[in-house]
Amino acid sequence: MFANLMPLLAAVAYIASAMRLLCFQRNGGRIRRGISLIACLLIAALLCAGLEILLYKPPVSLWQTAIAVLLFILCYRSRGNLAALLRPNL
């Protein structure tokens, strides 16, 4: 049962992270073309990774699931703001 839970958890974390990034509202913030391009590529990669796990059912390790969940947590803590994720806080 645990072996079936890890791929599902990783896929849901990837797709939820992509959706959080996709639903980001800038609320008057300026548009940065480079960050927008990186965000689009990251959203596409996350959606593809999640769908690949759901459709093709490749083996997913515990570490891949952990990375997916940690990325999910980071995306939600930054409220989908990729610039805030990439900004160093000194």
Protein backbone atom coordinates (compact mmCIF):
# COMPACT_ATOMS: atom_id res chain seq x y z
CA MET A 1 0.00 0.00 0.00
CA PHE A 2 2.84 2.42 0.84
CA ALA A 3 4.32 1.80 -2.61
CA ASN A 4 1.06 2.99 -4.21
CA LEU A 5 0.82 6.06 -1.99
CA MET A 6 4.20 7.60 -2.87
CA PRO A 7 3.58 8.03 -6.63
CA LEU A 8 0.13 9.47 -5.99
CA LEU A 9 1.47 11.88 -3.38
CA ALA A 10 4.30 13.00 -5.69
CA ALA A 11 1.91 13.51 -8.64
CA VAL A 12 -0.56 15.50 -6.55
CA ALA A 13 2.27 17.63 -5.11
CA TYR A 14 3.65 18.39 -8.60
CA ILE A 15 0.26 19.30 -10.02
CA ALA A 16 -0.73 21.38 -6.96
CA SER A 17 2.57 23.28 -7.13
CA ALA A 18 2.03 24.02 -10.82
CA MET A 19 -1.53 25.18 -10.18
CA ARG A 20 -0.39 27.47 -7.34
CA LEU A 21 2.23 29.05 -9.59
CA LEU A 22 -0.31 29.32 -12.40
CA CYS A 23 -2.88 31.07 -10.21
CA PHE A 24 -0.46 33.73 -8.91
CA GLN A 25 -1.89 37.26 -9.04
CA ARG A 26 0.66 40.04 -9.04
CA ASN A 27 -1.71 42.71 -7.59
CA GLY A 28 0.06 45.69 -9.14
CA GLY A 29 3.56 44.24 -9.02
CA ARG A 30 5.78 44.80 -12.01
CA ILE A 31 6.15 42.19 -14.72
CA ARG A 32 9.61 40.68 -15.04
CA ARG A 33 9.97 38.91 -18.37
CA GLY A 34 12.77 36.59 -17.23
CA ILE A 35 10.93 35.45 -14.11
CA SER A 36 7.74 35.01 -16.16
CA LEU A 37 9.57 32.80 -18.64
CA ILE A 38 11.09 30.70 -15.86
CA ALA A 39 7.66 30.41 -14.21
CA CYS A 40 6.08 29.20 -17.46
CA LEU A 41 8.79 26.61 -17.96
CA LEU A 42 8.54 25.44 -14.34
CA ILE A 43 4.74 25.16 -14.57
CA ALA A 44 5.04 23.08 -17.76
CA ALA A 45 7.70 20.84 -16.23
CA LEU A 46 5.69 20.29 -13.03
CA LEU A 47 2.50 19.47 -14.93
CA CYS A 48 4.36 17.07 -17.21
CA ALA A 49 6.03 15.37 -14.24
CA GLY A 50 2.71 14.94 -12.44
CA LEU A 51 0.89 13.65 -15.51
CA GLU A 52 3.74 11.29 -16.36
CA ILE A 53 3.48 9.70 -12.92
CA LEU A 54 -0.30 9.37 -13.20
CA LEU A 55 -0.41 8.08 -16.78
CA TYR A 56 2.75 6.00 -17.25
CA LYS A 57 3.25 4.89 -13.63
CA PRO A 58 7.07 4.93 -13.49
CA PRO A 59 8.70 3.89 -10.22
CA VAL A 60 8.84 6.81 -7.78
CA SER A 61 11.29 6.76 -4.92
CA LEU A 62 10.82 8.15 -1.44
CA TRP A 63 13.30 10.94 -2.26
CA GLN A 64 11.41 12.03 -5.37
CA THR A 65 8.24 12.24 -3.31
CA ALA A 66 10.05 14.23 -0.62
CA ILE A 67 11.35 16.74 -3.21
CA ALA A 68 7.86 17.10 -4.72
CA VAL A 69 6.30 17.75 -1.30
CA LEU A 70 9.03 20.23 -0.32
CA LEU A 71 8.57 22.11 -3.60
CA PHE A 72 4.83 22.16 -2.92
CA ILE A 73 5.43 23.66 0.52
CA LEU A 74 7.75 26.33 -0.91
CA CYS A 75 5.25 27.29 -3.61
CA TYR A 76 2.45 27.69 -1.11
CA ARG A 77 4.56 29.61 1.39
CA SER A 78 5.50 32.11 -1.32
CA ARG A 79 1.81 32.28 -2.43
CA GLY A 80 2.86 31.27 -5.94
CA ASN A 81 5.34 34.13 -6.32
CA LEU A 82 8.35 32.64 -8.08
CA ALA A 83 10.31 35.89 -7.72
CA ALA A 84 9.92 35.62 -3.94
CA LEU A 85 11.18 32.04 -4.08
CA LEU A 86 14.26 33.06 -6.05
CA ARG A 87 14.99 36.23 -4.04
CA PRO A 88 17.71 35.82 -1.42
CA ASN A 89 16.62 37.11 1.98
CA LEU A 90 19.61 38.69 3.63
